[in-house]
Structures are given as C-alpha cells and as structure tokens.
C-alpha cells in the first residue's frame, strides 16, 4: 500500500514543500515556490535520514536543504526540517482533509 506525506513551510519569502510517496518505490520531491528543485527515488520504503539540497533560481540566491527522519511514531512516522540561512526549522506536516 502506498503512503503519502506532505510537509510545507512559508519562510523568508520562499514556499518550501516536501512530498513523499512511499511503497514498493519511494519518491521524494522538494518544491521551492512550486518548482521541483530536487528529487530522490529508491526501491523500498526509503532510507532515512535523507537530505535533499537545492539552490533555487532567483535573487538573492538562497540555498537550502531539507532533512527527513523517521520518528518511530505510527501516527507521524516522518519528521522534516529545513536549513534556510543557517537556521534549522521544523516543517509541519500537511494533513489531508
């Protein structure tokens, strides 16, 4: 069964979204301002911790990275943080309605 997770944060004039689709193949995409900036695909349920880095276009250049880790919780099995301007912040999980 495929599972989906989505994390989103608006910070420093940027919109950062991380989508994870796990199952037989796990795909993780990093979107900045709605544009795909990094993508990772692996067979199986993913290898964590996983870090994706991006240098989105635009001025000023604002490199960032996101890190996904397993939490050990069944309710929220993944946690996401973003390193933006040298500050690490949690990225909240979006809840599907």
Protein backbone atom coordinates (compact mmCIF):
# COMPACT_ATOMS: atom_id res chain seq x y z
CA UNK A 1 0.00 0.00 0.00
CA UNK A 2 1.33 3.42 -0.95
CA UNK A 3 1.59 6.09 1.73
CA UNK A 4 1.80 9.81 1.10
CA UNK A 5 3.27 12.52 3.28
CA UNK A 6 3.45 16.22 2.60
CA UNK A 7 5.30 18.94 4.52
CA UNK A 8 5.02 22.68 3.87
CA UNK A 9 6.55 25.91 5.20
CA UNK A 10 6.49 29.53 4.04
CA UNK A 11 9.64 31.31 5.23
CA UNK A 12 11.98 34.07 4.08
CA UNK A 13 9.84 34.80 1.04
CA UNK A 14 10.01 31.17 -0.09
CA UNK A 15 7.43 28.40 -0.17
CA UNK A 16 9.03 25.03 0.65
CA UNK A 17 7.10 21.79 0.09
CA UNK A 18 8.34 18.22 0.50
CA UNK A 19 6.20 15.36 -0.85
CA UNK A 20 6.94 11.70 -0.09
CA UNK A 21 5.21 8.79 -1.82
CA UNK A 22 6.33 5.51 -0.27
CA UNK A 23 5.62 1.93 -1.20
CA UNK A 24 7.47 -0.51 -3.44
CA UNK A 25 9.29 2.56 -4.76
CA UNK A 26 9.69 5.66 -2.57
CA UNK A 27 9.82 9.04 -4.30
CA UNK A 28 10.66 12.27 -2.51
CA UNK A 29 10.40 15.67 -4.18
CA UNK A 30 11.45 19.10 -2.94
CA UNK A 31 9.46 22.02 -4.35
CA UNK A 32 10.53 25.63 -3.83
CA UNK A 33 8.00 28.25 -4.86
CA UNK A 34 6.08 25.47 -6.64
CA UNK A 35 9.03 24.35 -8.79
CA UNK A 36 10.74 20.98 -8.38
CA UNK A 37 14.32 21.60 -7.23
CA UNK A 38 15.35 18.11 -6.03
CA UNK A 39 14.07 14.56 -6.44
CA UNK A 40 15.05 11.22 -4.93
CA UNK A 41 13.81 7.73 -5.87
CA UNK A 42 14.69 4.45 -4.18
CA UNK A 43 13.25 0.92 -4.17
CA UNK A 44 11.59 0.05 -0.87
CA UNK A 45 10.29 2.22 1.94
CA UNK A 46 13.07 4.80 1.85
CA UNK A 47 16.42 5.23 3.52
CA UNK A 48 16.45 7.75 6.36
CA UNK A 49 17.78 10.17 7.30
CA UNK A 50 17.53 11.69 3.83
CA UNK A 51 18.81 15.15 2.92
CA UNK A 52 17.83 17.00 -0.26
CA UNK A 53 19.61 20.24 -1.17
CA UNK A 54 18.51 22.92 -3.60
CA UNK A 55 19.72 26.23 -4.96
CA UNK A 56 16.53 27.69 -6.39
CA UNK A 57 16.87 30.32 -9.09
CA UNK A 58 16.21 33.94 -8.30
CA UNK A 59 17.71 36.82 -6.47
CA UNK A 60 19.01 36.68 -3.91
CA UNK A 61 20.37 33.15 -4.29
CA UNK A 62 19.10 31.29 -1.24
CA UNK A 63 20.43 27.72 -0.96
CA UNK A 64 18.50 25.43 1.34
CA UNK A 65 18.31 21.81 2.38
CA UNK A 66 15.62 19.64 3.90
CA UNK A 67 16.15 16.58 6.07
CA UNK A 68 13.65 13.76 6.58
CA UNK A 69 13.99 11.38 9.52
CA UNK A 70 11.96 8.54 10.96
CA UNK A 71 10.23 9.43 14.24
CA UNK A 72 9.34 5.95 15.48
CA UNK A 73 5.71 7.05 15.82
CA UNK A 74 2.99 5.19 13.94
CA UNK A 75 0.81 8.30 13.70
CA UNK A 76 3.53 10.56 12.21
CA UNK A 77 6.37 8.28 11.01
CA UNK A 78 8.40 11.06 9.32
CA UNK A 79 9.68 14.42 10.52
CA UNK A 80 11.02 17.14 8.24
CA UNK A 81 13.33 20.08 8.92
CA UNK A 82 14.63 22.82 6.62
CA UNK A 83 18.02 24.54 6.84
CA UNK A 84 17.47 28.03 5.47
CA UNK A 85 20.01 30.82 6.05
CA UNK A 86 21.87 28.61 8.53
CA UNK A 87 18.80 28.20 10.74
CA UNK A 88 17.14 24.79 11.08
CA UNK A 89 13.36 24.89 11.44
CA UNK A 90 10.74 22.12 11.60
CA UNK A 91 8.49 21.83 8.57
CA UNK A 92 4.93 20.99 9.61
CA UNK A 93 3.16 18.05 8.04
CA UNK A 94 0.12 18.89 5.93
CA UNK A 95 -2.96 17.00 6.98
CA UNK A 96 -5.15 15.68 4.16
CA UNK A 97 -8.82 16.53 4.59
